[in-house]
Structures are given as structure tokens and as C-alpha cells.
Protein backbone atom coordinates (compact mmCIF):
# COMPACT_ATOMS: atom_id res chain seq x y z
CA UNK A 1 0.00 0.00 0.00
CA UNK A 2 1.49 3.34 -1.05
CA UNK A 3 1.55 6.10 1.55
CA UNK A 4 1.46 9.66 0.28
CA UNK A 5 1.48 12.92 2.27
CA UNK A 6 -1.79 14.71 2.90
CA UNK A 7 -2.46 18.17 4.21
CA UNK A 8 -5.75 19.16 5.73
CA UNK A 9 -7.47 18.52 9.03
CA UNK A 10 -7.42 15.85 11.72
CA UNK A 11 -10.57 14.53 13.39
CA UNK A 12 -11.40 11.48 15.47
CA UNK A 13 -13.11 8.39 14.10
CA UNK A 14 -16.04 8.86 16.49
CA UNK A 15 -16.58 12.50 15.48
CA UNK A 16 -16.29 11.72 11.77
CA UNK A 17 -18.75 8.82 12.02
CA UNK A 18 -21.34 10.99 13.74
CA UNK A 19 -20.72 13.88 11.31
CA UNK A 20 -21.04 11.80 8.13
CA UNK A 21 -24.14 9.98 9.36
CA UNK A 22 -25.75 13.31 10.25
CA UNK A 23 -24.97 14.79 6.82
CA UNK A 24 -26.42 11.81 4.98
CA UNK A 25 -29.55 11.72 7.13
CA UNK A 26 -30.02 15.47 6.61
CA UNK A 27 -29.84 14.72 2.89
CA UNK A 28 -32.73 12.27 3.26
CA UNK A 29 -30.96 8.94 3.75
CA UNK A 30 -32.47 6.48 6.19
CA UNK A 31 -30.65 6.14 9.48
CA UNK A 32 -29.62 2.59 8.54
CA UNK A 33 -28.16 3.75 5.21
CA UNK A 34 -26.36 6.72 6.74
CA UNK A 35 -24.85 4.66 9.54
CA UNK A 36 -23.67 1.96 7.14
CA UNK A 37 -21.93 4.47 4.87
CA UNK A 38 -20.33 6.24 7.82
CA UNK A 39 -19.17 2.94 9.30
CA UNK A 40 -17.60 1.82 6.03
CA UNK A 41 -15.80 5.03 5.02
CA UNK A 42 -14.48 5.81 8.50
CA UNK A 43 -13.26 2.23 8.89
CA UNK A 44 -11.36 2.56 5.60
CA UNK A 45 -9.88 5.97 6.46
CA UNK A 46 -8.95 4.84 9.97
CA UNK A 47 -6.67 2.23 8.37
CA UNK A 48 -5.18 4.63 5.81
CA UNK A 49 -7.29 3.49 2.86
CA UNK A 50 -8.30 7.07 2.10
CA UNK A 51 -8.90 6.50 -1.61
CA UNK A 52 -12.06 4.64 -0.56
CA UNK A 53 -12.71 6.41 2.73
CA UNK A 54 -14.14 9.75 3.84
CA UNK A 55 -13.07 11.47 0.60
CA UNK A 56 -15.94 9.62 -1.17
CA UNK A 57 -18.67 11.20 0.98
CA UNK A 58 -19.15 14.34 -1.17
CA UNK A 59 -19.65 12.03 -4.16
CA UNK A 60 -22.15 9.93 -2.22
CA UNK A 61 -24.03 13.10 -1.26
CA UNK A 62 -24.21 14.09 -4.94
CA UNK A 63 -25.71 10.70 -5.76
CA UNK A 64 -28.13 11.00 -2.86
CA UNK A 65 -29.27 14.48 -3.83
CA UNK A 66 -29.53 13.60 -7.52
CA UNK A 67 -31.65 10.52 -6.94
CA UNK A 68 -29.19 7.91 -8.21
CA UNK A 69 -29.31 6.20 -4.81
CA UNK A 70 -32.56 5.18 -3.14
CA UNK A 71 -32.66 7.16 0.11
CA UNK A 72 -34.86 4.71 1.96
CA UNK A 73 -34.32 1.30 0.37
CA UNK A 74 -36.19 -1.84 1.36
CA UNK A 75 -33.15 -4.15 1.55
CA UNK A 76 -34.27 -7.79 1.51
CA UNK A 77 -32.55 -11.14 1.93
CA UNK A 78 -33.61 -14.36 0.22
CA UNK A 79 -32.21 -17.71 1.33
CA UNK A 80 -31.75 -19.72 -1.87
CA UNK A 81 -30.26 -22.87 -0.39
CA UNK A 82 -28.80 -24.07 2.90
CA UNK A 83 -25.61 -22.03 2.38
CA UNK A 84 -26.60 -19.60 -0.39
CA UNK A 85 -28.41 -16.28 -0.20
CA UNK A 86 -29.03 -13.08 -2.11
CA UNK A 87 -29.47 -9.48 -0.94
CA UNK A 88 -31.61 -7.13 -3.03
CA UNK A 89 -30.23 -3.65 -2.31
CA UNK A 90 -33.24 -1.88 -3.86
CA UNK A 91 -30.80 0.62 -5.45
CA UNK A 92 -29.70 1.80 -2.02
CA UNK A 93 -26.17 2.42 -0.83
CA UNK A 94 -23.94 -0.59 -1.40
CA UNK A 95 -22.51 -0.27 2.09
CA UNK A 96 -25.86 -1.15 3.68
CA UNK A 97 -26.40 -4.11 1.34
CA UNK A 98 -22.85 -5.40 1.89
CA UNK A 99 -23.01 -5.31 5.69
CA UNK A 100 -26.38 -7.10 5.45
CA UNK A 101 -24.81 -9.74 3.18
CA UNK A 102 -22.03 -10.35 5.70
CA UNK A 103 -24.51 -10.62 8.59
CA UNK A 104 -26.69 -13.10 6.71
CA UNK A 105 -23.65 -15.02 5.51
CA UNK A 106 -22.35 -15.39 9.05
CA UNK A 107 -25.70 -16.79 10.15
CA UNK A 108 -25.61 -19.38 7.35
CA UNK A 109 -21.95 -20.24 7.95
CA UNK A 110 -22.53 -20.85 11.66
CA UNK A 111 -24.60 -23.87 10.66
CA UNK A 112 -23.15 -24.93 7.31
CA UNK A 113 -19.50 -23.97 7.73
CA UNK A 114 -19.54 -21.94 4.53
CA UNK A 115 -21.88 -19.44 2.89
CA UNK A 116 -22.02 -17.66 -0.45
CA UNK A 117 -24.07 -14.47 -0.57
CA UNK A 118 -24.57 -12.18 -3.54
CA UNK A 119 -25.93 -8.65 -3.62
CA UNK A 120 -27.69 -7.12 -6.61
CA UNK A 121 -29.30 -3.82 -7.60
CA UNK A 122 -26.62 -2.25 -5.43
CA UNK A 123 -24.26 0.71 -5.77
CA UNK A 124 -20.64 1.54 -4.98
CA UNK A 125 -19.75 0.15 -1.55
CA UNK A 126 -16.37 1.75 -0.93
CA UNK A 127 -13.48 -0.46 0.16
CA UNK A 128 -14.34 -4.14 -0.26
CA UNK A 129 -11.95 -5.02 2.56
CA UNK A 130 -14.30 -3.37 5.06
CA UNK A 131 -16.80 -6.22 4.71
CA UNK A 132 -14.33 -9.10 4.77
CA UNK A 133 -12.80 -7.47 7.84
CA UNK A 134 -16.20 -7.18 9.53
CA UNK A 135 -16.65 -10.94 9.17
CA UNK A 136 -13.14 -11.67 10.43
CA UNK A 137 -13.67 -9.47 13.48
CA UNK A 138 -16.66 -11.70 14.25
CA UNK A 139 -14.46 -14.81 14.02
CA UNK A 140 -15.10 -15.83 10.40
CA UNK A 141 -12.85 -15.85 7.34
CA UNK A 142 -14.32 -14.05 4.34
CA UNK A 143 -13.76 -13.11 0.71
CA UNK A 144 -15.38 -9.94 -0.62
CA UNK A 145 -15.59 -8.78 -4.24
CA UNK A 146 -17.27 -6.10 -6.32
CA UNK A 147 -17.19 -5.12 -9.97
CA UNK A 148 -17.50 -1.71 -11.61
CA UNK A 149 -17.65 0.19 -14.89
CA UNK A 150 -14.78 -0.12 -17.42
CA UNK A 151 -11.45 1.45 -16.44
CA UNK A 152 -9.00 -1.41 -17.06
CA UNK A 153 -7.76 -2.54 -20.47
CA UNK A 154 -7.84 -6.33 -21.04
CA UNK A 155 -4.49 -7.98 -21.72
CA UNK A 156 -3.52 -7.25 -25.31
CA UNK A 157 -6.39 -4.77 -25.73
CA UNK A 158 -6.56 -1.02 -26.28
CA UNK A 159 -9.87 0.02 -24.69
CA UNK A 160 -11.18 -0.38 -21.11
CA UNK A 161 -13.29 -3.47 -20.51
CA UNK A 162 -12.97 -4.40 -16.81
CA UNK A 163 -13.58 -2.39 -13.69
CA UNK A 164 -10.82 -2.27 -11.11
CA UNK A 165 -12.68 -5.29 -9.63
CA UNK A 166 -11.17 -5.63 -6.14
CA UNK A 167 -10.65 -8.85 -4.19
CA UNK A 168 -10.45 -8.87 -0.40
CA UNK A 169 -9.67 -11.72 1.99
CA UNK A 170 -9.69 -11.51 5.78
CA UNK A 171 -9.01 -14.15 8.42
CA UNK A 172 -9.00 -13.94 12.23
CA UNK A 173 -5.52 -13.77 13.74
CA UNK A 174 -4.85 -14.64 17.40
CA UNK A 175 -3.89 -11.68 19.59
CA UNK A 176 -4.22 -9.04 16.88
CA UNK A 177 -6.52 -7.55 14.27
CA UNK A 178 -7.39 -9.97 11.44
CA UNK A 179 -5.04 -10.40 8.52
CA UNK A 180 -6.50 -8.53 5.54
CA UNK A 181 -5.66 -8.59 1.85
CA UNK A 182 -7.50 -5.81 0.01
CA UNK A 183 -6.38 -5.28 -3.58
CA UNK A 184 -7.67 -4.15 -6.93
CA UNK A 185 -7.05 -6.39 -9.92
CA UNK A 186 -5.74 -3.32 -11.76
CA UNK A 187 -2.05 -2.37 -11.69
CA UNK A 188 -2.84 0.86 -9.83
CA UNK A 189 -6.07 2.47 -8.58
CA UNK A 190 -7.72 4.37 -11.43
CA UNK A 191 -7.86 7.57 -9.41
CA UNK A 192 -4.07 7.46 -9.02
CA UNK A 193 -4.04 9.00 -12.52
CA UNK A 194 -5.88 12.07 -11.21
CA UNK A 195 -3.71 12.24 -8.12
CA UNK A 196 -0.58 12.36 -10.27
CA UNK A 197 -2.14 15.03 -12.46
CA UNK A 198 -2.61 17.21 -9.40
CA UNK A 199 0.88 16.57 -8.09
CA UNK A 200 2.53 16.93 -11.50
CA UNK A 201 4.45 13.67 -11.09
CA UNK A 202 4.72 10.83 -13.64
CA UNK A 203 3.03 7.48 -13.30
CA UNK A 204 5.06 4.32 -12.76
CA UNK A 205 6.01 2.52 -15.99
CA UNK A 206 3.76 -0.15 -17.52
CA UNK A 207 0.60 0.63 -15.53
CA UNK A 208 -1.46 3.04 -17.67
CA UNK A 209 -2.34 3.61 -21.33
CA UNK A 210 -3.47 6.36 -23.70
CA UNK A 211 -6.80 6.25 -25.61
CA UNK A 212 -4.89 4.41 -28.35
CA UNK A 213 -3.78 1.71 -25.91
CA UNK A 214 -0.15 2.85 -25.81
CA UNK A 215 1.66 2.53 -22.48
CA UNK A 216 2.45 5.94 -20.94
CA UNK A 217 3.83 7.46 -17.75
CA UNK A 218 2.20 10.83 -18.50
CA UNK A 219 -0.88 11.16 -16.26
CA UNK A 220 -2.37 13.76 -18.63
CA UNK A 221 -2.24 11.28 -21.53
CA UNK A 222 -3.41 8.27 -19.52
CA UNK A 223 -7.11 7.40 -19.74
CA UNK A 224 -7.12 3.80 -18.49
CA UNK A 225 -5.00 1.42 -16.44
CA UNK A 226 -3.58 -2.03 -17.07
CA UNK A 227 -4.38 -5.18 -15.09
CA UNK A 228 -2.12 -6.42 -12.29
CA UNK A 229 1.07 -7.61 -13.98
CA UNK A 230 1.30 -4.58 -16.25
CA UNK A 231 2.20 -4.61 -19.92
CA UNK A 232 4.14 -7.88 -19.76
CA UNK A 233 2.18 -10.07 -17.38
CA UNK A 234 -1.24 -8.45 -17.27
CA UNK A 235 -2.95 -11.69 -18.28
CA UNK A 236 -2.79 -12.61 -14.58
CA UNK A 237 -4.67 -9.52 -13.41
CA UNK A 238 -7.04 -9.74 -16.37
CA UNK A 239 -7.90 -13.31 -15.41
CA UNK A 240 -8.63 -12.29 -11.84
CA UNK A 241 -10.74 -9.36 -13.07
CA UNK A 242 -12.76 -11.76 -15.24
CA UNK A 243 -13.37 -14.03 -12.25
CA UNK A 244 -14.59 -11.11 -10.11
CA UNK A 245 -16.81 -9.81 -12.90
CA UNK A 246 -18.53 -13.16 -13.41
CA UNK A 247 -19.08 -13.75 -9.68
CA UNK A 248 -20.47 -10.23 -9.18
CA UNK A 249 -22.59 -10.10 -12.34
CA UNK A 250 -23.82 -13.51 -13.50
CA UNK A 251 -24.29 -14.83 -9.95
CA UNK A 252 -26.12 -11.68 -8.80
CA UNK A 253 -28.14 -11.16 -11.98
CA UNK A 254 -26.40 -7.88 -12.85
CA UNK A 255 -24.78 -6.90 -16.16
CA UNK A 256 -21.02 -7.37 -16.47
CA UNK A 257 -18.73 -4.39 -16.03
CA UNK A 258 -18.46 -3.46 -19.71
CA UNK A 259 -22.22 -2.82 -19.80
CA UNK A 260 -22.25 -0.57 -16.72
CA UNK A 261 -22.56 3.20 -17.15
CA UNK A 262 -19.76 5.32 -15.65
CA UNK A 263 -20.15 5.39 -11.86
CA UNK A 264 -18.47 8.78 -11.84
CA UNK A 265 -20.72 10.10 -14.60
CA UNK A 266 -22.44 13.45 -14.29
CA UNK A 267 -26.04 12.23 -14.54
CA UNK A 268 -26.86 11.63 -10.89
CA UNK A 269 -30.55 11.00 -11.59
CA UNK A 270 -29.93 7.60 -13.19
CA UNK A 271 -29.48 4.44 -11.14
CA UNK A 272 -26.43 2.33 -12.04
CA UNK A 273 -26.99 -1.10 -10.47
CA UNK A 274 -23.98 -3.31 -9.75
CA UNK A 275 -23.36 -6.56 -7.87
CA UNK A 276 -21.15 -7.86 -5.05
CA UNK A 277 -20.08 -11.37 -4.05
CA UNK A 278 -19.19 -12.62 -0.56
CA UNK A 279 -17.90 -15.97 0.67
CA UNK A 280 -17.91 -16.58 4.45
CA UNK A 281 -16.10 -19.49 6.14
CA UNK A 282 -16.57 -20.70 9.73
CA UNK A 283 -13.16 -21.87 11.02
CA UNK A 284 -14.75 -23.71 13.97
CA UNK A 285 -16.39 -26.23 11.62
CA UNK A 286 -13.21 -26.87 9.63
CA UNK A 287 -10.90 -27.27 12.66
CA UNK A 288 -10.87 -26.94 16.42
CA UNK A 289 -10.45 -23.22 17.00
CA UNK A 290 -7.30 -23.75 19.07
CA UNK A 291 -5.72 -25.59 16.13
CA UNK A 292 -6.88 -23.01 13.61
CA UNK A 293 -5.58 -20.08 15.66
CA UNK A 294 -2.25 -21.84 16.21
CA UNK A 295 -1.82 -22.42 12.47
CA UNK A 296 -2.66 -18.81 11.54
CA UNK A 297 -0.44 -17.47 14.31
CA UNK A 298 2.47 -19.68 13.23
CA UNK A 299 2.06 -18.61 9.61
CA UNK A 300 2.17 -14.91 10.49
CA UNK A 301 5.13 -15.34 12.84
CA UNK A 302 7.14 -17.32 10.27
CA UNK A 303 6.33 -14.86 7.51
CA UNK A 304 7.31 -11.77 9.49
CA UNK A 305 10.68 -13.17 10.56
CA UNK A 306 11.82 -14.01 7.04
CA UNK A 307 15.10 -12.38 5.91
CA UNK A 308 14.52 -8.95 4.40
CA UNK A 309 16.36 -6.90 1.83
CA UNK A 310 18.37 -3.91 3.12
CA UNK A 311 16.03 -1.24 4.45
CA UNK A 312 13.02 -3.50 4.04
CA UNK A 313 10.81 -5.49 6.41
CA UNK A 314 8.85 -8.60 5.54
CA UNK A 315 5.21 -8.00 6.41
CA UNK A 316 1.96 -9.91 6.24
CA UNK A 317 -0.98 -8.58 4.22
CA UNK A 318 -2.53 -5.67 6.09
CA UNK A 319 0.45 -4.96 8.37
CA UNK A 320 0.92 -1.47 6.89
CA UNK A 321 -2.73 -0.67 7.54
CA UNK A 322 -2.52 -2.00 11.11
CA UNK A 323 0.39 0.32 11.87
CA UNK A 324 -1.44 3.25 10.27
CA UNK A 325 -4.60 2.44 12.22
CA UNK A 326 -2.72 2.63 15.51
CA UNK A 327 -1.17 5.95 14.55
CA UNK A 328 -4.48 7.43 13.46
CA UNK A 329 -6.26 6.17 16.56
CA UNK A 330 -3.76 8.19 18.58
CA UNK A 331 -3.45 11.28 16.37
CA UNK A 332 -6.71 11.49 14.43
CA UNK A 333 -7.76 10.74 10.85
CA UNK A 334 -6.41 13.21 8.26
CA UNK A 335 -8.93 14.59 5.75
CA UNK A 336 -7.67 16.60 2.78
CA UNK A 337 -8.65 20.26 2.53
CA UNK A 338 -10.87 19.82 -0.54
CA UNK A 339 -12.94 17.06 1.07
CA UNK A 340 -13.16 18.90 4.39
CA UNK A 341 -14.35 22.08 2.64
CA UNK A 342 -16.96 20.16 0.65
CA UNK A 343 -18.29 18.47 3.78
CA UNK A 344 -18.38 21.81 5.62
CA UNK A 345 -20.32 23.40 2.75
CA UNK A 346 -22.84 20.56 2.89
CA UNK A 347 -23.06 20.91 6.66
CA UNK A 348 -23.88 24.61 6.29
CA UNK A 349 -26.61 23.87 3.74
CA UNK A 350 -28.11 21.14 5.91
CA UNK A 351 -27.69 22.94 9.23
CA UNK A 352 -25.34 20.32 10.65
CA UNK A 353 -22.50 20.95 13.09
CA UNK A 354 -18.91 20.56 11.88
CA UNK A 355 -16.96 18.42 14.38
CA UNK A 356 -13.80 19.52 16.21
CA UNK A 357 -10.63 19.30 14.14
CA UNK A 358 -7.08 20.59 13.96
CA UNK A 359 -4.72 21.15 11.04
CA UNK A 360 -2.35 18.39 10.05
CA UNK A 361 1.24 19.10 11.07
CA UNK A 362 3.08 20.21 7.92
CA UNK A 363 1.59 17.44 5.84
CA UNK A 364 3.17 14.70 7.95
CA UNK A 365 -0.02 12.71 8.12
CA UNK A 366 -0.47 10.24 5.31
CA UNK A 367 -3.09 8.68 3.10
CA UNK A 368 -3.24 5.68 0.83
């Protein structure tokens, strides 16, 4: 996970959660929807995953005000088999539908040992790792996926076909926060292009392409990104993206990513339904919990003590985020100036109170 400096304001997780929920409810969202969005974005930002954290709230408010998102959805769950279920999000916020899918999946997995739950007629749900992590914090292993509109060029292609289609995997770890893998199947996040435009710095080689499909490091020429593996080995990322797309579309009844309208498009009156896929595993049915915990603990210990290159440290998936979470719990969550100003403007329009904050110290705080 890349850490980049951010300048703006620091606020606590508790204050931000209350603030964001209040803004969304003032905009007409149901309390359940508002609380789910706040929970998801603050959880992501608290771990340094700011690309999918609080900075998305102004965008969510635009969708809410425009009518793209159902303010008061009737989210329903249908059990399709002993270990299979489906959540109909009713075009509401994807965060609410995804937390519901995890809750229902845990209930099924308690009895069956495993559960597969899809969500359909949903919307953007932020960081997919939030939902896998929620299951792992409850003692279950989980895989979380979502698809999106085209932003990633298929291997050997010239035009976007896949979304960034993230995969997340979380598993309980004894004596610490769960281990969490949370990755896009694209070489870099699509919005890294816009970040590099604002900073005036080039992109890494072999990760982005021009409208003609030519590899470029110029963020102003780049219009799409390559799959994980880049120009030479992108067939690996493209294969993973295809897997995510099928699980999130065909299994949920939604169209595949290439058929989805731009989620960042300017027409906020039109619904853009997407799907999610979740797999929940109950360790207690596979093994005695003492054995399972011992195996996970031994794996993490052996991994972390492997020889490292000079100046490096071998880490398990999610270790960077764990360290960042501890730092932010002590110092506050940094929010960039643009996002903070947008939230404050919305608060003024809605008559909400802006929470206490303080400036970041010379940009030392960081974001993903």
C-alpha cells in the first residue's frame, strides 16, 4: 500500500462517524443507510485506505441528492439454499447491502461452515476489505468482491473493458486484528491518474495507457490502467478481473462491467446497479479453534521473521494498515482540505454541526 502525504485537518473516528451519518440523514438517507456508509468510510480511512474512505462522501451526497441512490431502500434477503443467499439492495447504498450480506452469511456459515451471498441492484460500496474485515472481526474468514464500470484494459487490448474489480480476503488472527488482503485487480487504482495530475508527477512505468492503448507514464495522456502484472504479465490480473466480474454479475443477476454506465458520470438521476459477491467461512467447523488459531499465528510469525532486503521489512498482508490504524487512533484521521471544505459546505446547507478538528502538522499525516 502506497503512503502519500496529505495536508488538511485531523478529526477522530467517532466524530467523523457521527458527522457523516448526520450529513447523509439530513440529505434524506435512512438512518440505517447513513450509519452503514459512515461505518464503512471511516473504517477505511482509519486504516489509511483514504482513496475509498471519507473522501468519497461528497460524491455519495451528490448521488443521494440527484436521486441515483434510493434514500430509503427496502433491503431484503432471500435464502436460496442451505448455504446460499441473495441481498436485493433496492438501489440503495452498497454499504448497507454489503453489511447485510455479511450478517446473513455469518448466520448461514454458523450452521453450514460456509456461505455464499450475492448482492444485486446495489451501488458503490467503498473499500471491499471493510466487509471481509467485519466478518473476520466476528471470528469468520471471508472473501469480498465487487465489480465496476470499465477502467481497465484487457491484456492485449486497447480500450477499457474491466472495472478495477477488487478482491479482499480476511481471516481472524490470534492476539491481533485480522489479517487482511485488500487489492484491486488493476495495476494501480484508477484515481491514481488524477492524483498524479494534481501533483505533477509521472506514473510508474507499464501501468497506464493512452486512448490508443499505448503505455504511458504521462498522467495527462493516460485514460485507463492495465491489469495487475502490467504490460508484460497483465494476463494474470485480467484473469482475476474476469473471475470477479462473473461472480459479481452472472451470480447476482447484474450486467457485467463493460455494460455498466460510468459510476463517476455526471447524470446523478440515473441508477447504475452493480453486484457484489461474498464468501464466508466458519473456522470452527473446519478445525478446532485452538488448532486453527495456532496455524494462523504460526504462519504470520514465520512470515514476518523471514530475511529482508536492506532497508526492508517482511510483512503480512494488512500490516501497513494496522500500523497506520494505531497511529491514526492516537493522532486522528487526516482529511484533505478539498474534502473537508466540501463536507463543511454541505453541513452549512443542511444545518449540521462541523466536528472539532485541527490542522495536520506540515503534511506529515499520510493517506493511501
